[in-house]
N, C-alpha and C. Protein backbone atom coordinates (compact mmCIF):
# COMPACT_ATOMS: atom_id res chain seq x y z
N UNK A 1 0.84 -1.19 0.00
CA UNK A 1 0.00 0.00 0.00
C UNK A 1 0.88 1.25 0.00
N UNK A 2 0.46 2.26 -0.72
CA UNK A 2 1.23 3.51 -0.71
C UNK A 2 1.32 4.13 0.68
N UNK A 3 2.46 4.77 0.93
CA UNK A 3 2.72 5.48 2.19
C UNK A 3 2.50 6.96 1.95
N UNK A 4 1.72 7.53 2.83
CA UNK A 4 1.26 8.91 2.71
C UNK A 4 1.72 9.66 3.95
N UNK A 5 2.22 10.87 3.77
CA UNK A 5 2.54 11.75 4.90
C UNK A 5 1.62 12.96 4.83
N UNK A 6 0.92 13.19 5.93
CA UNK A 6 -0.03 14.30 6.03
C UNK A 6 0.40 15.25 7.14
N UNK A 7 0.19 16.53 6.93
CA UNK A 7 0.42 17.54 7.96
C UNK A 7 -0.94 18.02 8.45
N UNK A 8 -1.15 17.93 9.77
CA UNK A 8 -2.35 18.47 10.39
C UNK A 8 -1.97 19.77 11.09
N UNK A 9 -2.88 20.72 11.09
CA UNK A 9 -2.63 21.97 11.80
C UNK A 9 -3.92 22.70 12.08
N UNK A 10 -3.88 23.53 13.10
CA UNK A 10 -5.03 24.36 13.43
C UNK A 10 -4.66 25.35 14.51
N UNK A 11 -5.39 26.48 14.53
CA UNK A 11 -5.08 27.50 15.52
C UNK A 11 -6.32 28.15 16.13
N UNK A 12 -7.47 27.53 15.98
CA UNK A 12 -8.69 28.06 16.58
C UNK A 12 -9.35 27.00 17.45
N UNK A 13 -10.03 27.42 18.50
CA UNK A 13 -10.77 26.50 19.35
C UNK A 13 -9.85 25.58 20.13
N UNK A 14 -10.36 24.40 20.46
CA UNK A 14 -9.59 23.40 21.19
C UNK A 14 -8.69 22.69 20.18
N UNK A 15 -7.49 23.21 20.02
CA UNK A 15 -6.59 22.74 18.96
C UNK A 15 -6.28 21.26 19.10
N UNK A 16 -6.04 20.79 20.32
CA UNK A 16 -5.72 19.38 20.54
C UNK A 16 -6.91 18.50 20.13
N UNK A 17 -8.11 18.90 20.51
CA UNK A 17 -9.31 18.13 20.17
C UNK A 17 -9.50 18.06 18.66
N UNK A 18 -9.32 19.18 17.97
CA UNK A 18 -9.48 19.16 16.51
C UNK A 18 -8.46 18.22 15.85
N UNK A 19 -7.22 18.21 16.36
CA UNK A 19 -6.23 17.29 15.80
C UNK A 19 -6.63 15.84 16.08
N UNK A 20 -7.14 15.57 17.27
CA UNK A 20 -7.61 14.22 17.60
C UNK A 20 -8.74 13.80 16.67
N UNK A 21 -9.69 14.69 16.45
CA UNK A 21 -10.81 14.39 15.57
C UNK A 21 -10.34 14.17 14.13
N UNK A 22 -9.37 14.95 13.70
CA UNK A 22 -8.82 14.77 12.35
C UNK A 22 -8.14 13.41 12.23
N UNK A 23 -7.34 13.03 13.24
CA UNK A 23 -6.69 11.72 13.21
C UNK A 23 -7.72 10.59 13.13
N UNK A 24 -8.78 10.71 13.92
CA UNK A 24 -9.83 9.69 13.90
C UNK A 24 -10.50 9.62 12.53
N UNK A 25 -10.77 10.77 11.94
CA UNK A 25 -11.38 10.80 10.61
C UNK A 25 -10.47 10.23 9.55
N UNK A 26 -9.19 10.49 9.66
CA UNK A 26 -8.22 9.96 8.70
C UNK A 26 -8.15 8.44 8.82
N UNK A 27 -8.12 7.94 10.06
CA UNK A 27 -8.09 6.49 10.28
C UNK A 27 -9.34 5.82 9.72
N UNK A 28 -10.46 6.51 9.80
CA UNK A 28 -11.73 5.94 9.32
C UNK A 28 -11.84 5.99 7.79
N UNK A 29 -11.35 7.08 7.18
CA UNK A 29 -11.58 7.31 5.75
C UNK A 29 -10.39 7.06 4.84
N UNK A 30 -9.19 7.35 5.33
CA UNK A 30 -8.03 7.40 4.44
C UNK A 30 -7.23 6.11 4.48
N UNK A 31 -6.94 5.60 5.67
CA UNK A 31 -6.13 4.40 5.74
C UNK A 31 -5.63 4.12 7.14
N UNK A 32 -4.60 3.33 7.22
CA UNK A 32 -4.04 2.88 8.49
C UNK A 32 -3.03 3.90 9.00
N UNK A 33 -3.27 4.42 10.21
CA UNK A 33 -2.32 5.33 10.84
C UNK A 33 -1.15 4.51 11.36
N UNK A 34 -0.01 4.66 10.72
CA UNK A 34 1.18 3.91 11.13
C UNK A 34 1.90 4.59 12.29
N UNK A 35 2.15 5.89 12.14
CA UNK A 35 2.88 6.65 13.16
C UNK A 35 2.45 8.10 13.10
N UNK A 36 2.70 8.80 14.19
CA UNK A 36 2.46 10.24 14.19
C UNK A 36 3.56 10.91 14.99
N UNK A 37 3.85 12.13 14.61
CA UNK A 37 4.86 12.92 15.32
C UNK A 37 4.27 13.44 16.62
N UNK A 38 5.12 14.04 17.40
CA UNK A 38 4.66 14.81 18.54
C UNK A 38 3.87 16.01 18.02
N UNK A 39 3.19 16.69 18.93
CA UNK A 39 2.53 17.94 18.58
C UNK A 39 3.56 19.06 18.71
N UNK A 40 3.50 20.00 17.78
CA UNK A 40 4.40 21.15 17.80
C UNK A 40 3.57 22.42 17.74
N UNK A 41 3.99 23.41 18.54
CA UNK A 41 3.34 24.71 18.50
C UNK A 41 4.22 25.66 17.73
N UNK A 42 3.60 26.42 16.85
CA UNK A 42 4.33 27.27 15.92
C UNK A 42 3.64 28.61 15.76
N UNK A 43 4.41 29.64 15.71
CA UNK A 43 3.86 30.94 15.36
C UNK A 43 3.27 30.85 13.95
N UNK A 44 2.23 31.62 13.70
CA UNK A 44 1.58 31.61 12.39
C UNK A 44 2.57 32.00 11.29
N UNK A 45 2.46 31.31 10.16
CA UNK A 45 3.32 31.51 9.01
C UNK A 45 2.49 32.19 7.92
N UNK A 46 3.07 33.10 7.18
CA UNK A 46 2.32 33.78 6.12
C UNK A 46 1.58 34.97 6.70
N UNK A 47 0.37 34.76 7.15
CA UNK A 47 -0.43 35.79 7.83
C UNK A 47 -0.13 35.66 9.32
N UNK A 48 0.77 36.49 9.84
CA UNK A 48 1.30 36.30 11.20
C UNK A 48 0.43 36.92 12.30
N UNK A 49 -0.61 37.67 11.94
CA UNK A 49 -1.46 38.32 12.95
C UNK A 49 -2.61 37.41 13.34
N UNK A 50 -2.27 36.24 13.92
CA UNK A 50 -3.27 35.29 14.35
C UNK A 50 -2.65 34.37 15.41
N UNK A 51 -3.48 33.57 16.10
CA UNK A 51 -2.95 32.70 17.16
C UNK A 51 -1.97 31.66 16.63
N UNK A 52 -1.16 31.12 17.54
CA UNK A 52 -0.19 30.07 17.19
C UNK A 52 -0.92 28.79 16.77
N UNK A 53 -0.26 28.03 15.93
CA UNK A 53 -0.79 26.76 15.43
C UNK A 53 -0.25 25.59 16.23
N UNK A 54 -1.03 24.52 16.28
CA UNK A 54 -0.52 23.21 16.65
C UNK A 54 -0.42 22.41 15.37
N UNK A 55 0.69 21.71 15.19
CA UNK A 55 0.91 20.91 13.99
C UNK A 55 1.35 19.51 14.37
N UNK A 56 1.07 18.58 13.47
CA UNK A 56 1.48 17.20 13.65
C UNK A 56 1.54 16.54 12.27
N UNK A 57 2.52 15.64 12.09
CA UNK A 57 2.63 14.88 10.85
C UNK A 57 2.21 13.44 11.13
N UNK A 58 1.43 12.89 10.20
CA UNK A 58 1.00 11.50 10.28
C UNK A 58 1.58 10.71 9.13
N UNK A 59 1.94 9.47 9.40
CA UNK A 59 2.32 8.51 8.36
C UNK A 59 1.16 7.52 8.24
N UNK A 60 0.62 7.42 7.03
CA UNK A 60 -0.60 6.64 6.79
C UNK A 60 -0.36 5.72 5.61
N UNK A 61 -0.86 4.49 5.72
CA UNK A 61 -0.90 3.61 4.56
C UNK A 61 -2.31 3.67 4.00
N UNK A 62 -2.41 3.85 2.69
CA UNK A 62 -3.72 4.03 2.08
C UNK A 62 -3.84 3.23 0.79
N UNK A 63 -5.06 2.86 0.48
CA UNK A 63 -5.36 2.25 -0.81
C UNK A 63 -5.99 3.26 -1.75
N UNK A 64 -6.21 4.48 -1.26
CA UNK A 64 -6.86 5.52 -2.06
C UNK A 64 -5.86 6.17 -3.01
N UNK A 65 -6.37 6.68 -4.10
CA UNK A 65 -5.55 7.48 -5.01
C UNK A 65 -5.30 8.84 -4.38
N UNK A 66 -4.29 9.57 -4.85
CA UNK A 66 -4.05 10.92 -4.30
C UNK A 66 -5.28 11.82 -4.42
N UNK A 67 -6.00 11.73 -5.53
CA UNK A 67 -7.18 12.56 -5.72
C UNK A 67 -8.28 12.19 -4.73
N UNK A 68 -8.44 10.88 -4.44
CA UNK A 68 -9.43 10.45 -3.45
C UNK A 68 -9.03 10.93 -2.05
N UNK A 69 -7.72 10.88 -1.74
CA UNK A 69 -7.25 11.37 -0.45
C UNK A 69 -7.60 12.85 -0.31
N UNK A 70 -7.31 13.65 -1.34
CA UNK A 70 -7.61 15.07 -1.30
C UNK A 70 -9.10 15.31 -1.09
N UNK A 71 -9.92 14.61 -1.82
CA UNK A 71 -11.37 14.77 -1.69
C UNK A 71 -11.82 14.43 -0.27
N UNK A 72 -11.31 13.34 0.29
CA UNK A 72 -11.72 12.93 1.64
C UNK A 72 -11.20 13.88 2.72
N UNK A 73 -9.98 14.39 2.57
CA UNK A 73 -9.50 15.32 3.60
C UNK A 73 -10.23 16.66 3.50
N UNK A 74 -10.60 17.08 2.30
CA UNK A 74 -11.39 18.31 2.17
C UNK A 74 -12.76 18.15 2.82
N UNK A 75 -13.39 16.98 2.66
CA UNK A 75 -14.68 16.71 3.30
C UNK A 75 -14.52 16.67 4.81
N UNK A 76 -13.46 16.05 5.29
CA UNK A 76 -13.20 15.97 6.72
C UNK A 76 -12.98 17.36 7.32
N UNK A 77 -12.19 18.19 6.64
CA UNK A 77 -11.97 19.57 7.11
C UNK A 77 -13.31 20.31 7.23
N UNK A 78 -14.14 20.14 6.22
CA UNK A 78 -15.44 20.82 6.21
C UNK A 78 -16.31 20.32 7.37
N UNK A 79 -16.33 19.01 7.59
CA UNK A 79 -17.13 18.43 8.67
C UNK A 79 -16.65 18.91 10.04
N UNK A 80 -15.35 19.16 10.17
CA UNK A 80 -14.80 19.64 11.44
C UNK A 80 -14.97 21.14 11.62
N UNK A 81 -15.55 21.81 10.61
CA UNK A 81 -15.87 23.23 10.76
C UNK A 81 -14.93 24.20 10.08
N UNK A 82 -14.08 23.69 9.19
CA UNK A 82 -13.17 24.61 8.50
C UNK A 82 -13.95 25.49 7.54
N UNK A 83 -13.67 26.78 7.62
CA UNK A 83 -14.24 27.75 6.70
C UNK A 83 -13.07 28.46 6.03
N UNK A 84 -13.05 28.47 4.71
CA UNK A 84 -11.95 29.10 3.96
C UNK A 84 -12.34 30.53 3.60
N UNK A 85 -11.87 31.47 4.44
CA UNK A 85 -12.19 32.88 4.23
C UNK A 85 -11.04 33.65 3.61
N UNK A 86 -9.81 33.32 4.02
CA UNK A 86 -8.65 34.03 3.50
C UNK A 86 -7.47 33.08 3.41
N UNK A 87 -6.58 33.36 2.45
CA UNK A 87 -5.38 32.56 2.28
C UNK A 87 -4.52 32.67 3.53
N UNK A 88 -4.06 31.54 4.07
CA UNK A 88 -3.23 31.48 5.28
C UNK A 88 -3.95 32.06 6.50
N UNK A 89 -5.28 32.04 6.48
CA UNK A 89 -6.04 32.57 7.60
C UNK A 89 -6.15 31.58 8.75
N UNK A 90 -6.69 32.07 9.87
CA UNK A 90 -6.92 31.22 11.04
C UNK A 90 -7.93 30.12 10.67
N UNK A 91 -7.76 28.94 11.28
CA UNK A 91 -8.66 27.83 10.96
C UNK A 91 -8.64 26.78 12.07
N UNK A 92 -9.75 26.05 12.17
CA UNK A 92 -9.82 25.00 13.18
C UNK A 92 -8.98 23.79 12.77
N UNK A 93 -8.89 23.54 11.47
CA UNK A 93 -8.12 22.39 10.99
C UNK A 93 -7.66 22.63 9.56
N UNK A 94 -6.48 22.14 9.28
CA UNK A 94 -5.92 22.16 7.93
C UNK A 94 -5.19 20.83 7.78
N UNK A 95 -5.44 20.15 6.68
CA UNK A 95 -4.77 18.88 6.41
C UNK A 95 -4.12 18.98 5.04
N UNK A 96 -2.80 18.84 5.00
CA UNK A 96 -2.05 18.92 3.74
C UNK A 96 -1.41 17.58 3.42
N UNK A 97 -1.43 17.22 2.15
CA UNK A 97 -0.69 16.05 1.67
C UNK A 97 0.74 16.50 1.44
N UNK A 98 1.68 15.90 2.16
CA UNK A 98 3.09 16.23 1.98
C UNK A 98 3.73 15.33 0.94
N UNK A 99 3.60 14.02 1.13
CA UNK A 99 4.15 13.01 0.20
C UNK A 99 3.15 11.89 0.02
N UNK A 100 3.18 11.29 -1.15
CA UNK A 100 2.43 10.08 -1.45
C UNK A 100 3.45 9.16 -2.11
N UNK A 101 4.06 8.28 -1.29
CA UNK A 101 5.23 7.51 -1.73
C UNK A 101 6.23 8.49 -2.35
N UNK A 102 6.80 8.14 -3.49
CA UNK A 102 7.73 9.06 -4.15
C UNK A 102 7.10 9.69 -5.39
N UNK A 103 5.78 9.74 -5.38
CA UNK A 103 5.02 10.30 -6.50
C UNK A 103 5.31 11.79 -6.67
N UNK A 104 5.48 12.20 -7.92
CA UNK A 104 5.55 13.61 -8.27
C UNK A 104 4.34 13.88 -9.16
N UNK A 105 3.48 14.78 -8.70
CA UNK A 105 2.21 15.03 -9.37
C UNK A 105 1.90 16.52 -9.33
N UNK A 106 1.48 17.05 -10.46
CA UNK A 106 1.04 18.44 -10.48
C UNK A 106 -0.18 18.55 -11.37
N UNK A 107 -1.32 18.83 -10.73
CA UNK A 107 -2.56 19.06 -11.45
C UNK A 107 -3.08 20.43 -11.01
N UNK A 108 -4.22 20.81 -11.55
CA UNK A 108 -4.81 22.09 -11.17
C UNK A 108 -5.19 22.12 -9.69
N UNK A 109 -5.58 20.96 -9.14
CA UNK A 109 -6.04 20.89 -7.74
C UNK A 109 -5.02 20.36 -6.76
N UNK A 110 -3.98 19.69 -7.24
CA UNK A 110 -3.12 18.96 -6.33
C UNK A 110 -1.68 18.93 -6.81
N UNK A 111 -0.76 19.26 -5.89
CA UNK A 111 0.67 19.16 -6.17
C UNK A 111 1.30 18.30 -5.09
N UNK A 112 1.97 17.23 -5.51
CA UNK A 112 2.69 16.33 -4.60
C UNK A 112 4.08 16.14 -5.16
N UNK A 113 5.12 16.29 -4.32
CA UNK A 113 5.11 16.67 -2.92
C UNK A 113 4.58 18.09 -2.74
N UNK A 114 4.18 18.38 -1.49
CA UNK A 114 3.68 19.71 -1.19
C UNK A 114 4.72 20.74 -1.64
N UNK A 115 4.33 21.74 -2.42
CA UNK A 115 5.31 22.63 -3.04
C UNK A 115 6.08 23.53 -2.09
N UNK A 116 5.62 23.71 -0.85
CA UNK A 116 6.32 24.61 0.06
C UNK A 116 6.86 23.92 1.31
N UNK A 117 6.81 22.60 1.35
CA UNK A 117 7.21 21.93 2.59
C UNK A 117 8.66 22.20 2.95
N UNK A 118 9.54 22.37 1.98
CA UNK A 118 10.96 22.60 2.26
C UNK A 118 11.23 24.01 2.79
N UNK A 119 10.22 24.87 2.75
CA UNK A 119 10.36 26.26 3.23
C UNK A 119 9.73 26.46 4.60
N UNK A 120 9.17 25.41 5.18
CA UNK A 120 8.38 25.54 6.40
C UNK A 120 8.94 24.66 7.51
N UNK A 121 9.50 25.31 8.48
CA UNK A 121 10.07 24.60 9.63
C UNK A 121 8.99 23.80 10.39
N UNK A 122 7.78 24.36 10.47
CA UNK A 122 6.70 23.69 11.19
C UNK A 122 6.26 22.39 10.50
N UNK A 123 6.62 22.23 9.24
CA UNK A 123 6.36 20.99 8.52
C UNK A 123 7.55 20.04 8.64
N UNK A 124 8.74 20.58 8.44
CA UNK A 124 9.94 19.74 8.41
C UNK A 124 10.29 19.14 9.76
N UNK A 125 10.10 19.87 10.84
CA UNK A 125 10.48 19.35 12.15
C UNK A 125 9.68 18.10 12.54
N UNK A 126 8.34 18.13 12.49
CA UNK A 126 7.62 16.89 12.80
C UNK A 126 7.84 15.79 11.76
N UNK A 127 8.04 16.17 10.50
CA UNK A 127 8.33 15.17 9.47
C UNK A 127 9.67 14.51 9.72
N UNK A 128 10.66 15.29 10.15
CA UNK A 128 11.99 14.74 10.46
C UNK A 128 11.94 13.81 11.66
N UNK A 129 11.00 14.03 12.56
CA UNK A 129 10.84 13.13 13.70
C UNK A 129 10.45 11.72 13.21
N UNK A 130 9.63 11.66 12.17
CA UNK A 130 9.15 10.38 11.66
C UNK A 130 10.04 9.79 10.57
N UNK A 131 10.54 10.62 9.68
CA UNK A 131 11.21 10.11 8.49
C UNK A 131 12.40 10.98 8.10
N UNK A 132 13.43 11.06 8.95
CA UNK A 132 14.55 11.97 8.67
C UNK A 132 15.31 11.63 7.39
N UNK A 133 15.32 10.36 7.01
CA UNK A 133 16.07 9.94 5.82
C UNK A 133 15.22 9.88 4.56
N UNK A 134 13.94 10.18 4.68
CA UNK A 134 13.07 10.23 3.51
C UNK A 134 13.62 11.26 2.53
N UNK A 135 13.74 10.89 1.27
CA UNK A 135 14.30 11.79 0.26
C UNK A 135 13.19 12.44 -0.55
N UNK A 136 13.23 13.75 -0.61
CA UNK A 136 12.28 14.52 -1.42
C UNK A 136 12.50 14.14 -2.89
N UNK A 137 11.48 13.61 -3.58
CA UNK A 137 11.69 13.11 -4.94
C UNK A 137 12.00 14.17 -5.99
N UNK A 138 11.76 15.43 -5.70
CA UNK A 138 12.07 16.50 -6.64
C UNK A 138 13.40 17.15 -6.28
N UNK A 139 13.59 17.46 -5.00
CA UNK A 139 14.80 18.17 -4.56
C UNK A 139 15.99 17.24 -4.34
N UNK A 140 15.74 15.94 -4.19
CA UNK A 140 16.82 14.97 -4.03
C UNK A 140 17.57 15.09 -2.71
N UNK A 141 16.94 15.67 -1.70
CA UNK A 141 17.57 15.83 -0.38
C UNK A 141 16.71 15.16 0.67
N UNK A 142 17.37 14.67 1.74
CA UNK A 142 16.64 14.07 2.84
C UNK A 142 15.90 15.14 3.63
N UNK A 143 14.90 14.71 4.37
CA UNK A 143 14.15 15.63 5.22
C UNK A 143 15.08 16.28 6.24
N UNK A 144 16.00 15.52 6.83
CA UNK A 144 16.92 16.11 7.80
C UNK A 144 17.79 17.19 7.16
N UNK A 145 18.22 16.99 5.93
CA UNK A 145 19.01 18.01 5.23
C UNK A 145 18.15 19.23 4.90
N UNK A 146 16.92 18.99 4.47
CA UNK A 146 16.03 20.12 4.19
C UNK A 146 15.76 20.94 5.45
N UNK A 147 15.66 20.27 6.59
CA UNK A 147 15.45 20.97 7.85
C UNK A 147 16.65 21.86 8.19
N UNK A 148 17.86 21.33 8.02
CA UNK A 148 19.07 22.11 8.29
C UNK A 148 19.15 23.32 7.36
N UNK A 149 18.75 23.13 6.10
CA UNK A 149 18.83 24.18 5.09
C UNK A 149 17.63 25.13 5.08
N UNK A 150 16.62 24.86 5.89
CA UNK A 150 15.36 25.61 5.84
C UNK A 150 15.57 27.08 6.20
N UNK A 151 15.10 28.00 5.36
CA UNK A 151 15.27 29.43 5.64
C UNK A 151 14.28 29.97 6.67
N UNK A 152 13.24 29.22 7.00
CA UNK A 152 12.22 29.65 7.95
C UNK A 152 12.81 29.71 9.36
N UNK A 153 12.69 30.87 10.00
CA UNK A 153 13.26 31.04 11.34
C UNK A 153 12.19 31.13 12.43
N UNK A 154 10.92 30.84 12.10
CA UNK A 154 9.88 30.87 13.11
C UNK A 154 10.14 29.79 14.16
N UNK A 155 9.83 30.13 15.41
CA UNK A 155 10.02 29.16 16.49
C UNK A 155 9.00 28.03 16.35
N UNK A 156 9.51 26.81 16.47
CA UNK A 156 8.68 25.62 16.49
C UNK A 156 9.11 24.85 17.72
N UNK A 157 8.16 24.64 18.65
CA UNK A 157 8.53 23.93 19.88
C UNK A 157 7.57 22.78 20.12
N UNK A 158 8.10 21.72 20.71
CA UNK A 158 7.27 20.57 21.03
C UNK A 158 6.22 21.00 22.06
N UNK A 159 4.99 20.61 21.81
CA UNK A 159 3.87 21.04 22.64
C UNK A 159 3.67 20.13 23.84
N UNK A 160 4.02 18.88 23.72
CA UNK A 160 3.82 17.94 24.82
C UNK A 160 3.68 16.54 24.29
N UNK A 161 3.21 15.67 25.12
CA UNK A 161 3.05 14.26 24.72
C UNK A 161 1.89 14.15 23.75
N UNK A 162 2.19 14.31 22.47
CA UNK A 162 1.14 14.30 21.47
C UNK A 162 1.22 13.13 20.53
N UNK A 163 2.06 12.16 20.84
CA UNK A 163 2.18 11.05 19.90
C UNK A 163 0.94 10.19 19.96
N UNK A 164 0.66 9.55 18.86
CA UNK A 164 -0.52 8.72 18.71
C UNK A 164 -0.10 7.27 18.65
N UNK A 165 -0.65 6.47 19.50
CA UNK A 165 -0.34 5.04 19.52
C UNK A 165 -1.22 4.36 18.48
N UNK A 166 -0.63 3.90 17.42
CA UNK A 166 -1.37 3.29 16.32
C UNK A 166 -1.88 1.90 16.66
N UNK A 167 -1.49 1.35 17.79
CA UNK A 167 -1.93 -0.03 18.11
C UNK A 167 -3.31 -0.06 18.70
């Protein structure tokens, strides 16, 4: 089964609860949750005049196509109350596809690997916790190398015991 890496994030309401609900929805709809990173708290990126985010990366095995994964995560975000009002705006939940095996895909609706993951410390740090040697199929560098080279200087700190026991 293909291996999928997803980034969860949110900065409104009960952030921990929304991440828990997202994980449960992903396990129900997308595939088998193999591992998850710790929770990380990060200052807002892009539009910085908003509350801090909690982020987490999940490793999932799925039988779904990338397009089906996107459709299901968009439905899950909507069910959890996500409203898209502004680019990089505050939100209860955001779920991004980071990698789908070593697939390189660019369509009007979907780009894999995520086109900005190498520029975002809040993505690379939890991803490096799970898969430091994973090689970006376009950039040809490991996640640990991308983290060292990342130009993003926003503080990203571990939030607490946020790991998910997949058993």
